Amino acid sequence: MSEDITVPDKAQSLKGLTQVVYVLYALSYFAGITAIIGIIINYVKKDDVAGTWLESHFRWQIRTFWFGLLWAVIGAATFVILIGMAILFANFCWIIYRIVKGWLNLNDNKPMIF
């Protein structure tokens, strides 16, 4: 006998999954592979959060990943001319800000406003 998942249970499950992605992004500073796992989760579950307030968090997380990766590549490419160190530091601060801001809004059940 199977039990149907109620809508509030599904929403809570998706909120928990969104929180897991924030954790994976934060852990990427210690083990970079976790961010890749996080972005895969974002794309695989994107349709499940469509039309909900969690969709804005997924969009926030996806943009954080891709723009963070872009600036990391630019920072690494310009590292030898010293500007890269500043770019990498700014990118580090920006990603931390995005993780914290997103996580706090998620905890308060607020969507991300762009």
PDB file of N, CA and C in Angstrom:
ATOM      1  N   MET A   1       0.852  -1.178   0.000  1.00  0.00           N
ATOM      2  CA  MET A   1       0.000   0.000   0.000  1.00  0.00           C
ATOM      3  C   MET A   1       0.888   1.228   0.000  1.00  0.00           C
ATOM      4  N   SER A   2       0.741   2.063  -0.980  1.00  0.00           N
ATOM      5  CA  SER A   2       1.583   3.251  -1.052  1.00  0.00           C
ATOM      6  C   SER A   2       0.821   4.457  -0.520  1.00  0.00           C
ATOM      7  N   GLU A   3       1.586   5.372   0.058  1.00  0.00           N
ATOM      8  CA  GLU A   3       0.991   6.599   0.568  1.00  0.00           C
ATOM      9  C   GLU A   3       1.303   7.725  -0.397  1.00  0.00           C
ATOM     10  N   ASP A   4       0.303   8.551  -0.644  1.00  0.00           N
ATOM     11  CA  ASP A   4       0.522   9.705  -1.504  1.00  0.00           C
ATOM     12  C   ASP A   4       1.254  10.784  -0.718  1.00  0.00           C
ATOM     13  N   ILE A   5       2.166  11.435  -1.380  1.00  0.00           N
ATOM     14  CA  ILE A   5       2.860  12.549  -0.751  1.00  0.00           C
ATOM     15  C   ILE A   5       1.970  13.770  -0.872  1.00  0.00           C
ATOM     16  N   THR A   6       1.722  14.430   0.235  1.00  0.00           N
ATOM     17  CA  THR A   6       0.891  15.624   0.199  1.00  0.00           C
ATOM     18  C   THR A   6       1.717  16.787  -0.321  1.00  0.00           C
ATOM     19  N   VAL A   7       1.028  17.795  -0.774  1.00  0.00           N
ATOM     20  CA  VAL A   7       1.694  18.970  -1.330  1.00  0.00           C
ATOM     21  C   VAL A   7       2.622  19.623  -0.315  1.00  0.00           C
ATOM     22  N   PRO A   8       2.212  19.830   0.941  1.00  0.00           N
ATOM     23  CA  PRO A   8       3.150  20.419   1.899  1.00  0.00           C
ATOM     24  C   PRO A   8       4.409  19.561   2.103  1.00  0.00           C
ATOM     25  N   ASP A   9       4.261  18.237   2.079  1.00  0.00           N
ATOM     26  CA  ASP A   9       5.421  17.361   2.218  1.00  0.00           C
ATOM     27  C   ASP A   9       6.374  17.532   1.044  1.00  0.00           C
ATOM     28  N   LYS A  10       5.816  17.651  -0.158  1.00  0.00           N
ATOM     29  CA  LYS A  10       6.654  17.836  -1.346  1.00  0.00           C
ATOM     30  C   LYS A  10       7.366  19.182  -1.282  1.00  0.00           C
ATOM     31  N   ALA A  11       6.654  20.223  -0.884  1.00  0.00           N
ATOM     32  CA  ALA A  11       7.267  21.549  -0.764  1.00  0.00           C
ATOM     33  C   ALA A  11       8.391  21.526   0.261  1.00  0.00           C
ATOM     34  N   GLN A  12       8.170  20.851   1.371  1.00  0.00           N
ATOM     35  CA  GLN A  12       9.204  20.757   2.408  1.00  0.00           C
ATOM     36  C   GLN A  12      10.399  19.968   1.893  1.00  0.00           C
ATOM     37  N   SER A  13      10.146  18.931   1.130  1.00  0.00           N
ATOM     38  CA  SER A  13      11.217  18.139   0.544  1.00  0.00           C
ATOM     39  C   SER A  13      12.041  18.975  -0.436  1.00  0.00           C
ATOM     40  N   LEU A  14      11.365  19.759  -1.269  1.00  0.00           N
ATOM     41  CA  LEU A  14      12.066  20.616  -2.221  1.00  0.00           C
ATOM     42  C   LEU A  14      12.837  21.721  -1.515  1.00  0.00           C
ATOM     43  N   LYS A  15      12.288  22.240  -0.420  1.00  0.00           N
ATOM     44  CA  LYS A  15      13.015  23.244   0.359  1.00  0.00           C
ATOM     45  C   LYS A  15      14.279  22.620   0.949  1.00  0.00           C
ATOM     46  N   GLY A  16      14.169  21.395   1.441  1.00  0.00           N
ATOM     47  CA  GLY A  16      15.332  20.696   1.966  1.00  0.00           C
ATOM     48  C   GLY A  16      16.380  20.458   0.890  1.00  0.00           C
ATOM     49  N   LEU A  17      15.929  20.123  -0.305  1.00  0.00           N
ATOM     50  CA  LEU A  17      16.844  19.917  -1.426  1.00  0.00           C
ATOM     51  C   LEU A  17      17.550  21.225  -1.796  1.00  0.00           C
ATOM     52  N   THR A  18      16.823  22.328  -1.762  1.00  0.00           N
ATOM     53  CA  THR A  18      17.412  23.633  -2.046  1.00  0.00           C
ATOM     54  C   THR A  18      18.479  23.962  -1.010  1.00  0.00           C
ATOM     55  N   GLN A  19      18.201  23.613   0.230  1.00  0.00           N
ATOM     56  CA  GLN A  19      19.183  23.830   1.296  1.00  0.00           C
ATOM     57  C   GLN A  19      20.431  22.969   1.069  1.00  0.00           C
ATOM     58  N   VAL A  20      20.237  21.746   0.630  1.00  0.00           N
ATOM     59  CA  VAL A  20      21.365  20.861   0.336  1.00  0.00           C
ATOM     60  C   VAL A  20      22.258  21.480  -0.741  1.00  0.00           C
ATOM     61  N   VAL A  21      21.652  22.094  -1.751  1.00  0.00           N
ATOM     62  CA  VAL A  21      22.452  22.717  -2.808  1.00  0.00           C
ATOM     63  C   VAL A  21      23.274  23.876  -2.246  1.00  0.00           C
ATOM     64  N   TYR A  22      22.684  24.683  -1.358  1.00  0.00           N
ATOM     65  CA  TYR A  22      23.468  25.750  -0.719  1.00  0.00           C
ATOM     66  C   TYR A  22      24.653  25.157   0.058  1.00  0.00           C
ATOM     67  N   VAL A  23      24.419  24.061   0.748  1.00  0.00           N
ATOM     68  CA  VAL A  23      25.502  23.396   1.491  1.00  0.00           C
ATOM     69  C   VAL A  23      26.580  22.906   0.530  1.00  0.00           C
ATOM     70  N   LEU A  24      26.168  22.298  -0.571  1.00  0.00           N
ATOM     71  CA  LEU A  24      27.139  21.807  -1.553  1.00  0.00           C
ATOM     72  C   LEU A  24      27.973  22.941  -2.127  1.00  0.00           C
ATOM     73  N   TYR A  25      27.344  24.075  -2.397  1.00  0.00           N
ATOM     74  CA  TYR A  25      28.095  25.225  -2.907  1.00  0.00           C
ATOM     75  C   TYR A  25      29.083  25.729  -1.852  1.00  0.00           C
ATOM     76  N   ALA A  26      28.654  25.779  -0.604  1.00  0.00           N
ATOM     77  CA  ALA A  26      29.548  26.225   0.468  1.00  0.00           C
ATOM     78  C   ALA A  26      30.721  25.254   0.640  1.00  0.00           C
ATOM     79  N   LEU A  27      30.440  23.970   0.564  1.00  0.00           N
ATOM     80  CA  LEU A  27      31.498  22.958   0.711  1.00  0.00           C
ATOM     81  C   LEU A  27      32.470  22.948  -0.456  1.00  0.00           C
ATOM     82  N   SER A  28      32.092  23.585  -1.555  1.00  0.00           N
ATOM     83  CA  SER A  28      32.965  23.574  -2.729  1.00  0.00           C
ATOM     84  C   SER A  28      34.292  24.279  -2.465  1.00  0.00           C
ATOM     85  N   TYR A  29      34.359  25.096  -1.439  1.00  0.00           N
ATOM     86  CA  TYR A  29      35.631  25.732  -1.089  1.00  0.00           C
ATOM     87  C   TYR A  29      36.612  24.735  -0.492  1.00  0.00           C
ATOM     88  N   PHE A  30      36.104  23.610  -0.027  1.00  0.00           N
ATOM     89  CA  PHE A  30      36.955  22.571   0.545  1.00  0.00           C
ATOM     90  C   PHE A  30      37.104  21.382  -0.395  1.00  0.00           C
ATOM     91  N   ALA A  31      36.070  21.132  -1.179  1.00  0.00           N
ATOM     92  CA  ALA A  31      36.086  20.033  -2.161  1.00  0.00           C
ATOM     93  C   ALA A  31      35.290  20.518  -3.373  1.00  0.00           C
ATOM     94  N   GLY A  32      35.973  21.033  -4.373  1.00  0.00           N
ATOM     95  CA  GLY A  32      35.343  21.679  -5.519  1.00  0.00           C
ATOM     96  C   GLY A  32      34.281  20.877  -6.242  1.00  0.00           C
ATOM     97  N   ILE A  33      34.346  19.572  -6.157  1.00  0.00           N
ATOM     98  CA  ILE A  33      33.400  18.710  -6.860  1.00  0.00           C
ATOM     99  C   ILE A  33      31.966  18.905  -6.359  1.00  0.00           C
ATOM    100  N   THR A  34      31.810  19.372  -5.127  1.00  0.00           N
ATOM    101  CA  THR A  34      30.459  19.501  -4.572  1.00  0.00           C
ATOM    102  C   THR A  34      29.631  20.540  -5.316  1.00  0.00           C
ATOM    103  N   ALA A  35      30.271  21.585  -5.843  1.00  0.00           N
ATOM    104  CA  ALA A  35      29.524  22.580  -6.617  1.00  0.00           C
ATOM    105  C   ALA A  35      28.985  21.966  -7.901  1.00  0.00           C
ATOM    106  N   ILE A  36      29.739  21.063  -8.488  1.00  0.00           N
ATOM    107  CA  ILE A  36      29.278  20.388  -9.708  1.00  0.00           C
ATOM    108  C   ILE A  36      28.071  19.519  -9.382  1.00  0.00           C
ATOM    109  N   ILE A  37      28.098  18.845  -8.251  1.00  0.00           N
ATOM    110  CA  ILE A  37      26.941  18.053  -7.817  1.00  0.00           C
ATOM    111  C   ILE A  37      25.743  18.970  -7.604  1.00  0.00           C
ATOM    112  N   GLY A  38      25.983  20.127  -6.996  1.00  0.00           N
ATOM    113  CA  GLY A  38      24.908  21.095  -6.756  1.00  0.00           C
ATOM    114  C   GLY A  38      24.263  21.591  -8.029  1.00  0.00           C
ATOM    115  N   ILE A  39      25.070  21.926  -9.031  1.00  0.00           N
ATOM    116  CA  ILE A  39      24.505  22.445 -10.289  1.00  0.00           C
ATOM    117  C   ILE A  39      23.750  21.345 -11.029  1.00  0.00           C
ATOM    118  N   ILE A  40      24.209  20.123 -10.925  1.00  0.00           N
ATOM    119  CA  ILE A  40      23.477  19.010 -11.543  1.00  0.00           C
ATOM    120  C   ILE A  40      22.112  18.863 -10.877  1.00  0.00           C
ATOM    121  N   ILE A  41      22.070  18.940  -9.557  1.00  0.00           N
ATOM    122  CA  ILE A  41      20.787  18.865  -8.838  1.00  0.00           C
ATOM    123  C   ILE A  41      19.878  20.002  -9.291  1.00  0.00           C
ATOM    124  N   ASN A  42      20.437  21.218  -9.399  1.00  0.00           N
ATOM    125  CA  ASN A  42      19.631  22.355  -9.859  1.00  0.00           C
ATOM    126  C   ASN A  42      18.963  22.078 -11.197  1.00  0.00           C
ATOM    127  N   TYR A  43      19.716  21.560 -12.147  1.00  0.00           N
ATOM    128  CA  TYR A  43      19.144  21.325 -13.480  1.00  0.00           C
ATOM    129  C   TYR A  43      18.208  20.120 -13.507  1.00  0.00           C
ATOM    130  N   VAL A  44      18.504  19.076 -12.755  1.00  0.00           N
ATOM    131  CA  VAL A  44      17.646  17.887 -12.743  1.00  0.00           C
ATOM    132  C   VAL A  44      16.301  18.184 -12.077  1.00  0.00           C
ATOM    133  N   LYS A  45      16.297  18.975 -11.026  1.00  0.00           N
ATOM    134  CA  LYS A  45      15.065  19.235 -10.268  1.00  0.00           C
ATOM    135  C   LYS A  45      14.402  20.566 -10.619  1.00  0.00           C
ATOM    136  N   LYS A  46      14.929  21.249 -11.624  1.00  0.00           N
ATOM    137  CA  LYS A  46      14.421  22.568 -11.998  1.00  0.00           C
ATOM    138  C   LYS A  46      12.925  22.547 -12.314  1.00  0.00           C
ATOM    139  N   ASP A  47      12.464  21.540 -13.019  1.00  0.00           N
ATOM    140  CA  ASP A  47      11.036  21.456 -13.364  1.00  0.00           C
ATOM    141  C   ASP A  47      10.162  21.238 -12.138  1.00  0.00           C
ATOM    142  N   ASP A  48      10.700  20.573 -11.118  1.00  0.00           N
ATOM    143  CA  ASP A  48       9.919  20.314  -9.904  1.00  0.00           C
ATOM    144  C   ASP A  48       9.617  21.589  -9.121  1.00  0.00           C
ATOM    145  N   VAL A  49      10.489  22.583  -9.211  1.00  0.00           N
ATOM    146  CA  VAL A  49      10.278  23.823  -8.460  1.00  0.00           C
ATOM    147  C   VAL A  49       9.648  24.921  -9.316  1.00  0.00           C
ATOM    148  N   ALA A  50       9.434  24.636 -10.606  1.00  0.00           N
ATOM    149  CA  ALA A  50       8.848  25.636 -11.503  1.00  0.00           C
ATOM    150  C   ALA A  50       7.502  26.111 -10.963  1.00  0.00           C
ATOM    151  N   GLY A  51       7.333  27.427 -10.928  1.00  0.00           N
ATOM    152  CA  GLY A  51       6.078  28.005 -10.459  1.00  0.00           C
ATOM    153  C   GLY A  51       5.978  28.153  -8.958  1.00  0.00           C
ATOM    154  N   THR A  52       6.991  27.768  -8.227  1.00  0.00           N
ATOM    155  CA  THR A  52       6.982  27.920  -6.770  1.00  0.00           C
ATOM    156  C   THR A  52       7.976  29.009  -6.374  1.00  0.00           C
ATOM    157  N   TRP A  53       7.943  29.423  -5.123  1.00  0.00           N
ATOM    158  CA  TRP A  53       8.887  30.427  -4.634  1.00  0.00           C
ATOM    159  C   TRP A  53      10.313  29.882  -4.622  1.00  0.00           C
ATOM    160  N   LEU A  54      10.450  28.564  -4.645  1.00  0.00           N
ATOM    161  CA  LEU A  54      11.783  27.955  -4.664  1.00  0.00           C
ATOM    162  C   LEU A  54      12.452  28.089  -6.034  1.00  0.00           C
ATOM    163  N   GLU A  55      11.668  28.343  -7.073  1.00  0.00           N
ATOM    164  CA  GLU A  55      12.241  28.529  -8.400  1.00  0.00           C
ATOM    165  C   GLU A  55      13.248  29.681  -8.389  1.00  0.00           C
ATOM    166  N   SER A  56      12.943  30.735  -7.648  1.00  0.00           N
ATOM    167  CA  SER A  56      13.865  31.875  -7.593  1.00  0.00           C
ATOM    168  C   SER A  56      15.187  31.483  -6.933  1.00  0.00           C
ATOM    169  N   HIS A  57      15.144  30.574  -5.980  1.00  0.00           N
ATOM    170  CA  HIS A  57      16.377  30.097  -5.334  1.00  0.00           C
ATOM    171  C   HIS A  57      17.206  29.265  -6.313  1.00  0.00           C
ATOM    172  N   PHE A  58      16.540  28.440  -7.086  1.00  0.00           N
ATOM    173  CA  PHE A  58      17.265  27.640  -8.078  1.00  0.00           C
ATOM    174  C   PHE A  58      17.919  28.553  -9.115  1.00  0.00           C
ATOM    175  N   ARG A  59      17.201  29.573  -9.565  1.00  0.00           N
ATOM    176  CA  ARG A  59      17.766  30.524 -10.521  1.00  0.00           C
ATOM    177  C   ARG A  59      18.968  31.248  -9.896  1.00  0.00           C
ATOM    178  N   TRP A  60      18.846  31.631  -8.625  1.00  0.00           N
ATOM    179  CA  TRP A  60      19.920  32.287  -7.872  1.00  0.00           C
ATOM    180  C   TRP A  60      21.141  31.367  -7.783  1.00  0.00           C
ATOM    181  N   GLN A  61      20.902  30.108  -7.473  1.00  0.00           N
ATOM    182  CA  GLN A  61      21.995  29.143  -7.350  1.00  0.00           C
ATOM    183  C   GLN A  61      22.670  28.887  -8.690  1.00  0.00           C
ATOM    184  N   ILE A  62      21.896  28.748  -9.737  1.00  0.00           N
ATOM    185  CA  ILE A  62      22.453  28.495 -11.065  1.00  0.00           C
ATOM    186  C   ILE A  62      23.307  29.683 -11.509  1.00  0.00           C
ATOM    187  N   ARG A  63      22.812  30.877 -11.314  1.00  0.00           N
ATOM    188  CA  ARG A  63      23.588  32.071 -11.679  1.00  0.00           C
ATOM    189  C   ARG A  63      24.846  32.186 -10.826  1.00  0.00           C
ATOM    190  N   THR A  64      24.736  31.851  -9.561  1.00  0.00           N
ATOM    191  CA  THR A  64      25.917  31.883  -8.683  1.00  0.00           C
ATOM    192  C   THR A  64      26.988  30.944  -9.215  1.00  0.00           C
ATOM    193  N   PHE A  65      26.602  29.747  -9.610  1.00  0.00           N
ATOM    194  CA  PHE A  65      27.560  28.775 -10.118  1.00  0.00           C
ATOM    195  C   PHE A  65      28.233  29.281 -11.387  1.00  0.00           C
ATOM    196  N   TRP A  66      27.437  29.663 -12.384  1.00  0.00           N
ATOM    197  CA  TRP A  66      28.011  30.002 -13.690  1.00  0.00           C
ATOM    198  C   TRP A  66      28.816  31.296 -13.661  1.00  0.00           C
ATOM    199  N   PHE A  67      28.308  32.325 -12.992  1.00  0.00           N
ATOM    200  CA  PHE A  67      29.080  33.566 -12.903  1.00  0.00           C
ATOM    201  C   PHE A  67      30.312  33.382 -12.016  1.00  0.00           C
ATOM    202  N   GLY A  68      30.180  32.593 -10.963  1.00  0.00           N
ATOM    203  CA  GLY A  68      31.337  32.288 -10.119  1.00  0.00           C
ATOM    204  C   GLY A  68      32.412  31.554 -10.893  1.00  0.00           C
ATOM    205  N   LEU A  69      31.992  30.596 -11.717  1.00  0.00           N
ATOM    206  CA  LEU A  69      32.949  29.862 -12.551  1.00  0.00           C
ATOM    207  C   LEU A  69      33.606  30.793 -13.575  1.00  0.00           C
ATOM    208  N   LEU A  70      32.808  31.643 -14.201  1.00  0.00           N
ATOM    209  CA  LEU A  70      33.343  32.593 -15.181  1.00  0.00           C
ATOM    210  C   LEU A  70      34.425  33.471 -14.556  1.00  0.00           C
ATOM    211  N   TRP A  71      34.121  34.063 -13.396  1.00  0.00           N
ATOM    212  CA  TRP A  71      35.100  34.951 -12.756  1.00  0.00           C
ATOM    213  C   TRP A  71      36.289  34.188 -12.204  1.00  0.00           C
ATOM    214  N   ALA A  72      36.101  32.942 -11.832  1.00  0.00           N
ATOM    215  CA  ALA A  72      37.239  32.120 -11.390  1.00  0.00           C
ATOM    216  C   ALA A  72      38.184  31.862 -12.551  1.00  0.00           C
ATOM    217  N   VAL A  73      37.631  31.587 -13.720  1.00  0.00           N
ATOM    218  CA  VAL A  73      38.461  31.359 -14.908  1.00  0.00           C
ATOM    219  C   VAL A  73      39.192  32.648 -15.290  1.00  0.00           C
ATOM    220  N   ILE A  74      38.478  33.770 -15.282  1.00  0.00           N
ATOM    221  CA  ILE A  74      39.116  35.054 -15.600  1.00  0.00           C
ATOM    222  C   ILE A  74      40.203  35.371 -14.576  1.00  0.00           C
ATOM    223  N   GLY A  75      39.909  35.147 -13.303  1.00  0.00           N
ATOM    224  CA  GLY A  75      40.894  35.398 -12.258  1.00  0.00           C
ATOM    225  C   GLY A  75      42.121  34.518 -12.397  1.00  0.00           C
ATOM    226  N   ALA A  76      41.906  33.249 -12.713  1.00  0.00           N
ATOM    227  CA  ALA A  76      43.029  32.327 -12.896  1.00  0.00           C
ATOM    228  C   ALA A  76      43.851  32.719 -14.119  1.00  0.00           C
ATOM    229  N   ALA A  77      43.172  33.129 -15.192  1.00  0.00           N
ATOM    230  CA  ALA A  77      43.876  33.503 -16.423  1.00  0.00           C
ATOM    231  C   ALA A  77      44.702  34.773 -16.250  1.00  0.00           C
ATOM    232  N   THR A  78      44.285  35.653 -15.360  1.00  0.00           N
ATOM    233  CA  THR A  78      44.994  36.916 -15.157  1.00  0.00           C
ATOM    234  C   THR A  78      45.822  36.919 -13.870  1.00  0.00           C
ATOM    235  N   PHE A  79      45.965  35.765 -13.273  1.00  0.00           N
ATOM    236  CA  PHE A  79      46.683  35.664 -11.998  1.00  0.00           C
ATOM    237  C   PHE A  79      48.132  36.126 -12.116  1.00  0.00           C
ATOM    238  N   VAL A  80      48.769  35.797 -13.232  1.00  0.00           N
ATOM    239  CA  VAL A  80      50.185  36.134 -13.392  1.00  0.00           C
ATOM    240  C   VAL A  80      50.418  37.636 -13.509  1.00  0.00           C
ATOM    241  N   ILE A  81      49.414  38.396 -13.885  1.00  0.00           N
ATOM    242  CA  ILE A  81      49.577  39.844 -13.947  1.00  0.00           C
ATOM    243  C   ILE A  81      48.990  40.520 -12.703  1.00  0.00           C
ATOM    244  N   LEU A  82      48.815  39.751 -11.663  1.00  0.00           N
ATOM    245  CA  LEU A  82      48.405  40.186 -10.323  1.00  0.00           C
ATOM    246  C   LEU A  82      46.958  40.655 -10.205  1.00  0.00           C
ATOM    247  N   ILE A  83      46.336  41.115 -11.256  1.00  0.00           N
ATOM    248  CA  ILE A  83      44.932  41.503 -11.178  1.00  0.00           C
ATOM    249  C   ILE A  83      44.066  40.294 -10.852  1.00  0.00           C
ATOM    250  N   GLY A  84      44.554  39.120 -11.244  1.00  0.00           N
ATOM    251  CA  GLY A  84      43.814  37.892 -10.992  1.00  0.00           C
ATOM    252  C   GLY A  84      43.573  37.627  -9.523  1.00  0.00           C
ATOM    253  N   MET A  85      44.529  38.005  -8.686  1.00  0.00           N
ATOM    254  CA  MET A  85      44.348  37.801  -7.240  1.00  0.00           C
ATOM    255  C   MET A  85      43.156  38.615  -6.727  1.00  0.00           C
ATOM    256  N   ALA A  86      43.051  39.858  -7.207  1.00  0.00           N
ATOM    257  CA  ALA A  86      41.933  40.708  -6.802  1.00  0.00           C
ATOM    258  C   ALA A  86      40.616  40.152  -7.329  1.00  0.00           C
ATOM    259  N   ILE A  87      40.622  39.677  -8.564  1.00  0.00           N
ATOM    260  CA  ILE A  87      39.415  39.097  -9.156  1.00  0.00           C
ATOM    261  C   ILE A  87      38.985  37.856  -8.385  1.00  0.00           C
ATOM    262  N   LEU A  88      39.946  36.993  -8.063  1.00  0.00           N
ATOM    263  CA  LEU A  88      39.619  35.770  -7.324  1.00  0.00           C
ATOM    264  C   LEU A  88      39.109  36.089  -5.923  1.00  0.00           C
ATOM    265  N   PHE A  89      39.689  37.084  -5.268  1.00  0.00           N
ATOM    266  CA  PHE A  89      39.222  37.468  -3.932  1.00  0.00           C
ATOM    267  C   PHE A  89      37.812  38.046  -3.996  1.00  0.00           C
ATOM    268  N   ALA A  90      37.582  38.935  -4.977  1.00  0.00           N
ATOM    269  CA  ALA A  90      36.245  39.512  -5.138  1.00  0.00           C
ATOM    270  C   ALA A  90      35.221  38.415  -5.448  1.00  0.00           C
ATOM    271  N   ASN A  91      35.597  37.461  -6.281  1.00  0.00           N
ATOM    272  CA  ASN A  91      34.712  36.349  -6.621  1.00  0.00           C
ATOM    273  C   ASN A  91      34.396  35.516  -5.379  1.00  0.00           C
ATOM    274  N   PHE A  92      35.416  35.248  -4.578  1.00  0.00           N
ATOM    275  CA  PHE A  92      35.226  34.503  -3.326  1.00  0.00           C
ATOM    276  C   PHE A  92      34.197  35.209  -2.438  1.00  0.00           C
ATOM    277  N   CYS A  93      34.377  36.510  -2.246  1.00  0.00           N
ATOM    278  CA  CYS A  93      33.454  37.289  -1.403  1.00  0.00           C
ATOM    279  C   CYS A  93      32.046  37.297  -1.987  1.00  0.00           C
ATOM    280  N   TRP A  94      31.937  37.446  -3.306  1.00  0.00           N
ATOM    281  CA  TRP A  94      30.635  37.493  -3.962  1.00  0.00           C
ATOM    282  C   TRP A  94      29.892  36.172  -3.813  1.00  0.00           C
ATOM    283  N   ILE A  95      30.594  35.059  -3.994  1.00  0.00           N
ATOM    284  CA  ILE A  95      29.959  33.742  -3.861  1.00  0.00           C
ATOM    285  C   ILE A  95      29.507  33.508  -2.420  1.00  0.00           C
ATOM    286  N   ILE A  96      30.353  33.861  -1.458  1.00  0.00           N
ATOM    287  CA  ILE A  96      29.964  33.717  -0.041  1.00  0.00           C
ATOM    288  C   ILE A  96      28.711  34.543   0.234  1.00  0.00           C
ATOM    289  N   TYR A  97      28.692  35.779  -0.249  1.00  0.00           N
ATOM    290  CA  TYR A  97      27.515  36.633  -0.078  1.00  0.00           C
ATOM    291  C   TYR A  97      26.271  35.962  -0.659  1.00  0.00           C
ATOM    292  N   ARG A  98      26.377  35.418  -1.868  1.00  0.00           N
ATOM    293  CA  ARG A  98      25.228  34.801  -2.527  1.00  0.00           C
ATOM    294  C   ARG A  98      24.742  33.562  -1.775  1.00  0.00           C
ATOM    295  N   ILE A  99      25.669  32.778  -1.249  1.00  0.00           N
ATOM    296  CA  ILE A  99      25.279  31.592  -0.479  1.00  0.00           C
ATOM    297  C   ILE A  99      24.561  32.015   0.794  1.00  0.00           C
ATOM    298  N   VAL A 100      25.141  32.963   1.524  1.00  0.00           N
ATOM    299  CA  VAL A 100      24.551  33.411   2.802  1.00  0.00           C
ATOM    300  C   VAL A 100      23.203  34.079   2.573  1.00  0.00           C
ATOM    301  N   LYS A 101      23.136  35.007   1.622  1.00  0.00           N
ATOM    302  CA  LYS A 101      21.870  35.705   1.337  1.00  0.00           C
ATOM    303  C   LYS A 101      20.777  34.717   0.922  1.00  0.00           C
ATOM    304  N   GLY A 102      21.118  33.789   0.040  1.00  0.00           N
ATOM    305  CA  GLY A 102      20.142  32.803  -0.393  1.00  0.00           C
ATOM    306  C   GLY A 102      19.687  31.904   0.729  1.00  0.00           C
ATOM    307  N   TRP A 103      20.646  31.443   1.518  1.00  0.00           N
ATOM    308  CA  TRP A 103      20.328  30.542   2.622  1.00  0.00           C
ATOM    309  C   TRP A 103      19.437  31.232   3.657  1.00  0.00           C
ATOM    310  N   LEU A 104      19.725  32.496   3.966  1.00  0.00           N
ATOM    311  CA  LEU A 104      18.898  33.230   4.927  1.00  0.00           C
ATOM    312  C   LEU A 104      17.476  33.422   4.401  1.00  0.00           C
ATOM    313  N   ASN A 105      17.350  33.785   3.132  1.00  0.00           N
ATOM    314  CA  ASN A 105      16.011  33.927   2.550  1.00  0.00           C
ATOM    315  C   ASN A 105      15.269  32.595   2.533  1.00  0.00           C
ATOM    316  N   LEU A 106      15.978  31.517   2.220  1.00  0.00           N
ATOM    317  CA  LEU A 106      15.357  30.196   2.225  1.00  0.00           C
ATOM    318  C   LEU A 106      14.856  29.854   3.626  1.00  0.00           C
ATOM    319  N   ASN A 107      15.674  30.128   4.621  1.00  0.00           N
ATOM    320  CA  ASN A 107      15.301  29.850   6.009  1.00  0.00           C
ATOM    321  C   ASN A 107      14.051  30.631   6.426  1.00  0.00           C
ATOM    322  N   ASP A 108      13.897  31.844   5.870  1.00  0.00           N
ATOM    323  CA  ASP A 108      12.735  32.676   6.176  1.00  0.00           C
ATOM    324  C   ASP A 108      11.566  32.449   5.212  1.00  0.00           C
ATOM    325  N   ASN A 109      11.685  31.431   4.361  1.00  0.00           N
ATOM    326  CA  ASN A 109      10.643  31.119   3.358  1.00  0.00           C
ATOM    327  C   ASN A 109      10.365  32.287   2.422  1.00  0.00           C
ATOM    328  N   LYS A 110      11.413  33.018   2.057  1.00  0.00           N
ATOM    329  CA  LYS A 110      11.294  34.142   1.137  1.00  0.00           C
ATOM    330  C   LYS A 110      11.940  33.787  -0.196  1.00  0.00           C
ATOM    331  N   PRO A 111      11.313  34.228  -1.280  1.00  0.00           N
ATOM    332  CA  PRO A 111      11.949  34.015  -2.591  1.00  0.00           C
ATOM    333  C   PRO A 111      13.123  34.980  -2.749  1.00  0.00           C
ATOM    334  N   MET A 112      13.973  34.692  -3.708  1.00  0.00           N
ATOM    335  CA  MET A 112      15.070  35.588  -4.035  1.00  0.00           C
ATOM    336  C   MET A 112      14.524  36.643  -4.994  1.00  0.00           C
ATOM    337  N   ILE A 113      14.856  37.886  -4.735  1.00  0.00           N
ATOM    338  CA  ILE A 113      14.424  38.989  -5.595  1.00  0.00           C
ATOM    339  C   ILE A 113      15.638  39.484  -6.346  1.00  0.00           C
ATOM    340  N   PHE A 114      15.509  39.557  -7.649  1.00  0.00           N
ATOM    341  CA  PHE A 114      16.642  39.927  -8.507  1.00  0.00           C
ATOM    342  C   PHE A 114      16.583  41.388  -8.844  1.00  0.00           C
TER     343      PHE A 114
END
